[in-house]
Amino acid sequence: MWRVRWRDARGRNRSKAIGRKRDAEAFDADLRRRRRLGELDLLEGGSQTLADFAEEWWQLYAAPNLAPKTLKNYAYVWDGHVLPRLGGFRLRELNAEVLERFRADLHGAGAGEPTILKALMLLQGILQHAVAWRRIAANPVKAVRKPRSRRLRAVRPLAPIVVERMRAHFIGRLTSRSHLNRGDYNHTRNQRDATLVSLLAYAGLRPQEALALSWGAVRERTILIERAASMGEIRSTKGSGRTRTVRLLGPLAQDLAEWRLVCGRPDEDKLVLPDPSGQVWRGGQWQGWTTRNFSAAKAAAGAPDARPYDLRHSFVSLLIHEGLSIVEVARQAGHNPTLTLDTYAHVFDEFDAAERVPAEAAIRQARDELVPVSYRRA
């Protein structure tokens, strides 16, 4: 029996018993190599199980930095797919072969490609922190071929005339200005809903961005998007690099000015679209709005298959038909240019440069056809 002794990266005396001399010499040579490369701490870091490391990752990184909705989705994927299959493996045992078998096991269990992709990307994110925290030398998930993320439904931007029909569904229920002046709740809510549709369709905000928008972010010519709502909480987008500005189109500026007047000219730190208690919407409130209010509006507009996100696509379509470059469209949409081209390639293909239409002109033309004159002049 041979024993190899060394000091670990923290200066502690360590030793290991090895049966054969040549194995002990090989281990000693590996120790010397690791010491030269500054990798001595990796020798024992990989002995931690994936389950134990993931718990540490959750406490130190995920919980303090990720949105509640993201945490909920991660927990679902982890508990249902990753932990039962890989939780007992030590970090050093996770190699490309093990992970290819993991993917094959998910496929054999009937998991679809989107689920497999989510599981692999979650695992890759966790193990990337294992690399950064010096538990393993490299991330084995990077070597695993992943399913391609495929859009199952091509984006279908809603034409301004359809958007205006949705707004007219709400505006048509505003029977008189006197109701607004009295602060009648139902009529105020209808005005709010029309304003929400405008924000999504004419500024391209994601729903969670619209619900976190404060009046101070609505500027003279642009809207500053630096926050997002998630499960009743507001988080900054600055850390993710997604802070951006979008052009404030004239018709939307009018809608926001009207809505602010209805709300009693709230201070700049107040939410543009709060819930009845003045707070950010919770997840259930958004789902309720989608199920009831938006469903009624899209039926009235003759677009039964429309989804709230199609309103955001409408804004991108307006920019494309103005003739803006892919880079500028991507910037205002909060995408990178490659994703923008992949997502909206068919919209770009349909665009004829000889038929450029300013976004404001397209909106006003549709609005003039549907919105009552008394409302437009208010």
Protein backbone atom coordinates (compact mmCIF):
# COMPACT_ATOMS: atom_id res chain seq x y z
CA MET A 1 0.00 0.00 0.00
CA TRP A 2 1.33 3.42 -0.99
CA ARG A 3 0.19 6.77 0.46
CA VAL A 4 0.40 10.09 -1.37
CA ARG A 5 0.40 13.24 0.79
CA TRP A 6 -0.17 16.85 -0.36
CA ARG A 7 -1.58 20.22 0.70
CA ASP A 8 -4.85 21.20 -0.94
CA ALA A 9 -5.71 24.64 -2.32
CA ARG A 10 -6.71 25.82 1.18
CA GLY A 11 -3.44 24.67 2.77
CA ARG A 12 -4.91 21.62 4.49
CA ASN A 13 -2.88 18.39 4.72
CA ARG A 14 -4.46 15.64 2.66
CA SER A 15 -3.50 12.06 1.87
CA LYS A 16 -4.73 9.13 -0.19
CA ALA A 17 -3.88 5.41 0.04
CA ILE A 18 -3.22 3.70 -3.31
CA GLY A 19 -2.60 0.01 -3.82
CA ARG A 20 0.07 -0.02 -6.54
CA LYS A 21 3.26 2.03 -6.77
CA ARG A 22 2.75 3.05 -10.40
CA ASP A 23 -0.79 4.24 -9.65
CA ALA A 24 0.53 6.26 -6.70
CA GLU A 25 3.23 7.79 -8.90
CA ALA A 26 0.66 8.66 -11.58
CA PHE A 27 -1.57 10.29 -8.97
CA ASP A 28 1.37 12.24 -7.56
CA ALA A 29 2.28 13.42 -11.07
CA ASP A 30 -1.32 14.56 -11.62
CA LEU A 31 -1.16 16.49 -8.34
CA ARG A 32 1.98 18.28 -9.47
CA ARG A 33 0.38 19.11 -12.83
CA ARG A 34 -2.71 20.51 -11.15
CA ARG A 35 -0.57 22.60 -8.82
CA ARG A 36 1.31 24.11 -11.75
CA LEU A 37 -1.95 24.92 -13.57
CA GLY A 38 -3.66 26.27 -10.47
CA GLU A 39 -6.26 23.50 -10.59
CA LEU A 40 -5.56 21.81 -7.28
CA ASP A 41 -8.93 22.90 -5.93
CA LEU A 42 -10.66 20.97 -8.71
CA LEU A 43 -9.29 17.66 -7.42
CA GLU A 44 -12.00 17.25 -4.80
CA GLY A 45 -14.55 19.77 -5.99
CA GLY A 46 -16.21 17.26 -8.28
CA SER A 47 -17.02 14.92 -5.39
CA GLN A 48 -20.17 16.90 -4.56
CA THR A 49 -23.42 15.44 -5.91
CA LEU A 50 -25.39 17.38 -8.47
CA ALA A 51 -28.34 17.53 -6.07
CA ASP A 52 -26.22 19.12 -3.32
CA PHE A 53 -24.58 21.58 -5.69
CA ALA A 54 -27.92 22.56 -7.23
CA GLU A 55 -29.25 23.39 -3.78
CA GLU A 56 -26.23 25.62 -3.21
CA TRP A 57 -26.71 27.20 -6.67
CA TRP A 58 -30.36 27.88 -5.89
CA GLN A 59 -29.57 29.66 -2.62
CA LEU A 60 -26.58 31.67 -3.79
CA TYR A 61 -27.55 32.54 -7.36
CA ALA A 62 -31.05 31.61 -8.49
CA ALA A 63 -33.21 32.85 -5.62
CA PRO A 64 -31.52 36.30 -5.30
CA ASN A 65 -31.29 37.00 -9.04
CA LEU A 66 -34.07 35.33 -10.98
CA ALA A 67 -37.71 36.34 -11.31
CA PRO A 68 -40.29 34.34 -9.35
CA LYS A 69 -41.87 33.03 -12.55
CA THR A 70 -38.48 31.83 -13.80
CA LEU A 71 -37.80 30.13 -10.46
CA LYS A 72 -41.15 28.40 -10.65
CA ASN A 73 -40.44 27.10 -14.16
CA TYR A 74 -36.95 25.96 -13.16
CA ALA A 75 -38.29 24.14 -10.11
CA TYR A 76 -40.82 22.30 -12.27
CA VAL A 77 -38.17 21.14 -14.75
CA TRP A 78 -35.67 20.26 -12.02
CA ASP A 79 -38.07 18.28 -9.83
CA GLY A 80 -39.77 16.50 -12.70
CA HIS A 81 -36.87 15.67 -15.02
CA VAL A 82 -33.35 16.43 -13.82
CA LEU A 83 -33.27 15.52 -10.11
CA PRO A 84 -34.75 11.99 -10.42
CA ARG A 85 -32.30 11.04 -13.18
CA LEU A 86 -29.08 12.90 -12.35
CA GLY A 87 -29.32 14.19 -8.79
CA GLY A 88 -27.24 11.36 -7.31
CA PHE A 89 -24.33 11.73 -9.75
CA ARG A 90 -21.17 13.40 -8.53
CA LEU A 91 -20.16 16.44 -10.53
CA ARG A 92 -17.04 14.70 -11.83
CA GLU A 93 -19.16 11.82 -13.12
CA LEU A 94 -21.25 14.04 -15.38
CA ASN A 95 -19.70 13.63 -18.82
CA ALA A 96 -21.02 13.81 -22.36
CA GLU A 97 -21.98 10.13 -22.40
CA VAL A 98 -23.99 10.37 -19.18
CA LEU A 99 -25.79 13.44 -20.47
CA GLU A 100 -26.52 11.89 -23.88
CA ARG A 101 -28.13 8.99 -22.01
CA PHE A 102 -30.07 11.53 -19.96
CA ARG A 103 -31.41 13.11 -23.11
CA ALA A 104 -32.29 9.72 -24.60
CA ASP A 105 -34.05 8.76 -21.36
CA LEU A 106 -36.19 11.89 -21.48
CA HIS A 107 -37.07 11.18 -25.10
CA GLY A 108 -37.96 7.59 -24.29
CA ALA A 109 -40.21 8.76 -21.45
CA GLY A 110 -42.23 10.80 -23.93
CA ALA A 111 -40.82 14.26 -23.20
CA GLY A 112 -41.12 16.63 -26.14
CA GLU A 113 -38.22 18.54 -27.66
CA PRO A 114 -39.11 21.82 -25.87
CA THR A 115 -39.02 20.01 -22.51
CA ILE A 116 -35.72 18.30 -23.31
CA LEU A 117 -34.24 21.63 -24.37
CA LYS A 118 -35.38 23.31 -21.14
CA ALA A 119 -33.89 20.51 -19.03
CA LEU A 120 -30.54 20.64 -20.82
CA MET A 121 -30.35 24.44 -20.71
CA LEU A 122 -31.18 24.46 -16.99
CA LEU A 123 -28.50 21.85 -16.37
CA GLN A 124 -26.01 23.79 -18.49
CA GLY A 125 -26.69 26.94 -16.47
CA ILE A 126 -26.19 25.13 -13.16
CA LEU A 127 -22.95 23.47 -14.26
CA GLN A 128 -21.62 26.73 -15.68
CA HIS A 129 -21.65 28.00 -12.11
CA ALA A 130 -19.89 24.81 -11.03
CA VAL A 131 -17.12 25.79 -13.45
CA ALA A 132 -17.07 29.40 -12.22
CA TRP A 133 -16.96 28.25 -8.59
CA ARG A 134 -14.06 25.89 -9.29
CA ARG A 135 -15.90 22.62 -8.67
CA ILE A 136 -15.29 21.23 -12.16
CA ALA A 137 -12.94 22.23 -14.95
CA ALA A 138 -15.39 22.30 -17.87
CA ASN A 139 -19.12 22.23 -18.54
CA PRO A 140 -20.01 18.82 -20.06
CA VAL A 141 -23.47 19.93 -21.22
CA LYS A 142 -21.93 22.14 -23.90
CA ALA A 143 -20.84 19.02 -25.78
CA VAL A 144 -24.37 17.58 -25.89
CA ARG A 145 -26.39 18.18 -29.03
CA LYS A 146 -29.58 19.97 -28.10
CA PRO A 147 -32.97 20.04 -29.83
CA ARG A 148 -33.52 23.15 -31.90
CA SER A 149 -35.94 25.67 -30.51
CA ARG A 150 -38.69 25.76 -33.07
CA ARG A 151 -41.51 28.25 -33.30
CA LEU A 152 -44.62 26.13 -33.64
CA ARG A 153 -46.69 29.05 -34.92
CA ALA A 154 -45.47 31.79 -37.23
CA VAL A 155 -45.99 35.23 -35.73
CA ARG A 156 -49.19 36.83 -36.94
CA PRO A 157 -49.10 40.58 -36.49
CA LEU A 158 -52.50 42.20 -36.13
CA ALA A 159 -53.20 44.99 -38.61
CA PRO A 160 -53.90 48.42 -37.10
CA ILE A 161 -57.56 48.09 -38.15
CA VAL A 162 -57.87 44.95 -35.99
CA VAL A 163 -56.13 46.64 -33.06
CA GLU A 164 -58.49 49.58 -33.35
CA ARG A 165 -61.48 47.25 -33.37
CA MET A 166 -60.24 45.83 -30.08
CA ARG A 167 -59.83 49.29 -28.65
CA ALA A 168 -63.24 50.26 -29.99
CA HIS A 169 -64.72 47.30 -28.12
CA PHE A 170 -63.60 48.94 -24.88
CA ILE A 171 -64.01 52.58 -25.91
CA GLY A 172 -67.54 51.91 -27.17
CA ARG A 173 -68.52 51.05 -23.64
CA LEU A 174 -67.56 54.55 -22.46
CA THR A 175 -70.99 56.07 -22.70
CA SER A 176 -70.04 59.62 -21.72
CA ARG A 177 -67.24 61.77 -20.38
CA SER A 178 -69.28 62.38 -17.23
CA HIS A 179 -68.72 58.79 -16.13
CA LEU A 180 -64.96 59.28 -16.41
CA ASN A 181 -65.09 62.53 -14.51
CA ARG A 182 -66.94 60.80 -11.69
CA GLY A 183 -64.31 58.06 -11.60
CA ASP A 184 -66.84 55.32 -12.39
CA TYR A 185 -64.89 52.06 -11.91
CA ASN A 186 -66.29 50.11 -14.86
CA HIS A 187 -65.70 52.92 -17.31
CA THR A 188 -62.24 53.62 -15.94
CA ARG A 189 -61.42 49.93 -16.33
CA ASN A 190 -62.55 50.02 -19.96
CA GLN A 191 -60.30 53.01 -20.60
CA ARG A 192 -57.47 51.13 -18.91
CA ASP A 193 -58.01 48.11 -21.14
CA ALA A 194 -57.97 50.24 -24.29
CA THR A 195 -54.72 51.85 -23.10
CA LEU A 196 -53.16 48.48 -22.41
CA VAL A 197 -53.96 47.32 -25.94
CA SER A 198 -52.37 50.53 -27.27
CA LEU A 199 -49.18 50.00 -25.26
CA LEU A 200 -48.76 46.44 -26.46
CA ALA A 201 -49.58 47.13 -30.10
CA TYR A 202 -48.03 50.57 -30.61
CA ALA A 203 -44.92 50.36 -28.40
CA GLY A 204 -44.24 46.63 -28.61
CA LEU A 205 -43.96 46.17 -24.87
CA ARG A 206 -44.08 42.66 -23.50
CA PRO A 207 -47.05 42.27 -21.13
CA GLN A 208 -44.78 42.10 -18.09
CA GLU A 209 -43.04 45.29 -19.23
CA ALA A 210 -46.31 47.14 -19.71
CA LEU A 211 -47.55 46.17 -16.25
CA ALA A 212 -44.33 47.45 -14.63
CA LEU A 213 -44.24 50.74 -16.55
CA SER A 214 -44.24 53.91 -14.46
CA TRP A 215 -45.32 57.35 -15.63
CA GLY A 216 -41.75 58.60 -15.26
CA ALA A 217 -40.67 56.19 -18.00
CA VAL A 218 -43.09 57.80 -20.48
CA ARG A 219 -40.98 60.61 -21.86
CA GLU A 220 -41.54 63.25 -24.50
CA ARG A 221 -40.46 61.20 -27.52
CA THR A 222 -39.65 57.76 -26.13
CA ILE A 223 -40.67 55.17 -23.56
CA LEU A 224 -37.89 53.85 -21.32
CA ILE A 225 -38.25 50.13 -20.62
CA GLU A 226 -36.15 49.06 -17.66
CA ARG A 227 -38.53 47.05 -15.48
CA ALA A 228 -40.73 43.98 -15.76
CA ALA A 229 -43.46 42.50 -13.58
CA SER A 230 -43.42 38.88 -12.50
CA MET A 231 -45.90 37.21 -10.16
CA GLY A 232 -46.80 40.42 -8.38
CA GLU A 233 -43.26 41.77 -8.15
CA ILE A 234 -41.32 44.33 -10.20
CA ARG A 235 -37.73 43.66 -11.17
CA SER A 236 -35.19 45.73 -13.04
CA THR A 237 -34.12 44.58 -16.49
CA LYS A 238 -30.76 46.35 -16.18
CA GLY A 239 -28.92 43.26 -14.99
CA SER A 240 -30.06 41.29 -18.03
CA GLY A 241 -28.96 44.03 -20.43
CA ARG A 242 -32.52 44.46 -21.72
CA THR A 243 -33.02 48.13 -20.88
CA ARG A 244 -34.10 49.92 -24.05
CA THR A 245 -36.15 52.79 -25.41
CA VAL A 246 -38.91 52.66 -27.99
CA ARG A 247 -40.31 55.50 -30.03
CA LEU A 248 -43.43 57.07 -28.56
CA LEU A 249 -45.81 57.21 -31.49
CA GLY A 250 -48.23 60.15 -31.59
CA PRO A 251 -51.47 58.15 -31.29
CA LEU A 252 -50.10 56.25 -28.28
CA ALA A 253 -48.97 59.50 -26.67
CA GLN A 254 -52.54 60.77 -26.99
CA ASP A 255 -53.93 57.58 -25.43
CA LEU A 256 -51.53 57.81 -22.50
CA ALA A 257 -52.29 61.48 -21.94
CA GLU A 258 -56.02 60.74 -21.88
CA TRP A 259 -55.51 57.85 -19.48
CA ARG A 260 -53.33 59.92 -17.14
CA LEU A 261 -56.03 62.56 -17.02
CA VAL A 262 -58.61 59.92 -16.12
CA CYS A 263 -56.32 58.66 -13.34
CA GLY A 264 -56.06 62.13 -11.81
CA ARG A 265 -52.57 62.96 -13.09
CA PRO A 266 -50.62 60.50 -10.88
CA ASP A 267 -47.01 61.15 -9.88
CA GLU A 268 -44.19 59.89 -12.06
CA ASP A 269 -43.32 57.00 -9.72
CA LYS A 270 -46.84 55.56 -10.00
CA LEU A 271 -47.66 52.67 -12.31
CA VAL A 272 -49.31 53.46 -15.61
CA LEU A 273 -51.55 50.39 -15.37
CA PRO A 274 -51.95 49.40 -11.72
CA ASP A 275 -54.52 46.98 -10.37
CA PRO A 276 -57.56 48.43 -8.52
CA SER A 277 -55.50 48.68 -5.31
CA GLY A 278 -52.76 50.66 -7.06
CA GLN A 279 -50.30 47.75 -7.05
CA VAL A 280 -48.71 45.69 -9.81
CA TRP A 281 -50.91 42.99 -11.29
CA ARG A 282 -50.48 39.47 -9.99
CA GLY A 283 -50.28 36.46 -12.28
CA GLY A 284 -53.92 35.52 -11.76
CA GLN A 285 -55.09 39.02 -12.66
CA TRP A 286 -53.26 38.93 -15.99
CA GLN A 287 -54.67 35.49 -16.78
CA GLY A 288 -58.13 36.73 -15.87
CA TRP A 289 -57.76 39.75 -18.15
CA THR A 290 -56.60 37.52 -21.00
CA THR A 291 -59.44 35.06 -20.51
CA ARG A 292 -62.25 37.57 -20.11
CA ASN A 293 -61.41 41.06 -21.36
CA PHE A 294 -59.02 40.25 -24.20
CA SER A 295 -61.11 37.29 -25.39
CA ALA A 296 -64.16 39.51 -25.68
CA ALA A 297 -62.19 42.21 -27.52
CA LYS A 298 -60.64 39.84 -30.06
CA ALA A 299 -64.04 38.29 -30.75
CA ALA A 300 -65.48 41.75 -31.34
CA ALA A 301 -62.54 42.52 -33.66
CA GLY A 302 -63.08 39.40 -35.73
CA ALA A 303 -59.75 37.86 -34.69
CA PRO A 304 -60.73 34.82 -32.60
CA ASP A 305 -57.26 33.24 -32.77
CA ALA A 306 -55.36 36.34 -31.64
CA ARG A 307 -53.17 36.25 -28.54
CA PRO A 308 -51.94 39.19 -26.44
CA TYR A 309 -48.40 38.69 -27.75
CA ASP A 310 -49.70 39.23 -31.30
CA LEU A 311 -50.15 42.87 -30.32
CA ARG A 312 -46.41 43.14 -29.72
CA HIS A 313 -45.81 41.56 -33.12
CA SER A 314 -48.03 44.28 -34.58
CA PHE A 315 -45.62 46.97 -33.40
CA VAL A 316 -42.68 45.17 -35.00
CA SER A 317 -44.68 44.86 -38.21
CA LEU A 318 -45.33 48.61 -38.19
CA LEU A 319 -41.60 49.27 -37.90
CA ILE A 320 -40.81 46.86 -40.73
CA HIS A 321 -43.36 48.52 -43.01
CA GLU A 322 -41.80 51.89 -42.25
CA GLY A 323 -38.64 50.52 -43.84
CA LEU A 324 -36.47 50.45 -40.69
CA SER A 325 -33.36 48.28 -40.73
CA ILE A 326 -33.24 44.90 -39.01
CA VAL A 327 -30.84 46.35 -36.43
CA GLU A 328 -33.19 49.21 -35.50
CA VAL A 329 -36.24 46.94 -35.42
CA ALA A 330 -34.35 44.53 -33.16
CA ARG A 331 -33.25 47.32 -30.84
CA GLN A 332 -36.77 48.61 -30.28
CA ALA A 333 -38.16 45.09 -29.91
CA GLY A 334 -35.51 44.16 -27.35
CA HIS A 335 -34.14 41.31 -29.49
CA ASN A 336 -30.82 40.63 -31.13
CA PRO A 337 -30.85 41.07 -34.93
CA THR A 338 -30.51 37.34 -35.63
CA LEU A 339 -33.55 36.46 -33.53
CA THR A 340 -35.51 39.29 -35.11
CA LEU A 341 -34.74 38.04 -38.60
CA ASP A 342 -35.56 34.44 -37.67
CA THR A 343 -38.85 35.45 -36.06
CA TYR A 344 -40.05 38.01 -38.59
CA ALA A 345 -38.44 36.77 -41.82
CA HIS A 346 -41.82 36.26 -43.49
CA VAL A 347 -42.87 39.82 -42.55
CA PHE A 348 -39.66 41.25 -44.01
CA ASP A 349 -40.20 39.16 -47.15
CA GLU A 350 -43.66 40.66 -47.65
CA PHE A 351 -42.42 44.22 -47.26
CA ASP A 352 -42.12 46.25 -50.46
CA ALA A 353 -39.78 49.22 -50.07
CA ALA A 354 -41.87 51.14 -52.59
CA GLU A 355 -44.86 50.93 -50.23
CA ARG A 356 -43.41 52.34 -47.04
CA VAL A 357 -46.06 53.53 -44.61
CA PRO A 358 -45.22 55.62 -41.51
CA ALA A 359 -46.46 53.83 -38.40
CA GLU A 360 -48.37 56.86 -37.15
CA ALA A 361 -50.15 57.27 -40.48
CA ALA A 362 -51.21 53.61 -40.48
CA ILE A 363 -52.61 53.89 -36.95
CA ARG A 364 -54.42 57.17 -37.58
CA GLN A 365 -56.00 55.85 -40.76
CA ALA A 366 -57.38 52.84 -38.90
CA ARG A 367 -58.42 54.95 -35.94
CA ASP A 368 -60.32 57.44 -38.08
CA GLU A 369 -62.44 54.61 -39.45
CA LEU A 370 -63.57 53.26 -36.09
CA VAL A 371 -63.15 55.58 -33.11
CA PRO A 372 -66.02 58.01 -32.49
CA VAL A 373 -65.18 61.62 -33.29
CA SER A 374 -66.22 62.71 -29.80
CA TYR A 375 -63.56 60.45 -28.31
CA ARG A 376 -60.82 61.48 -30.75
CA ARG A 377 -61.36 65.13 -29.92
CA ALA A 378 -61.49 64.58 -26.16
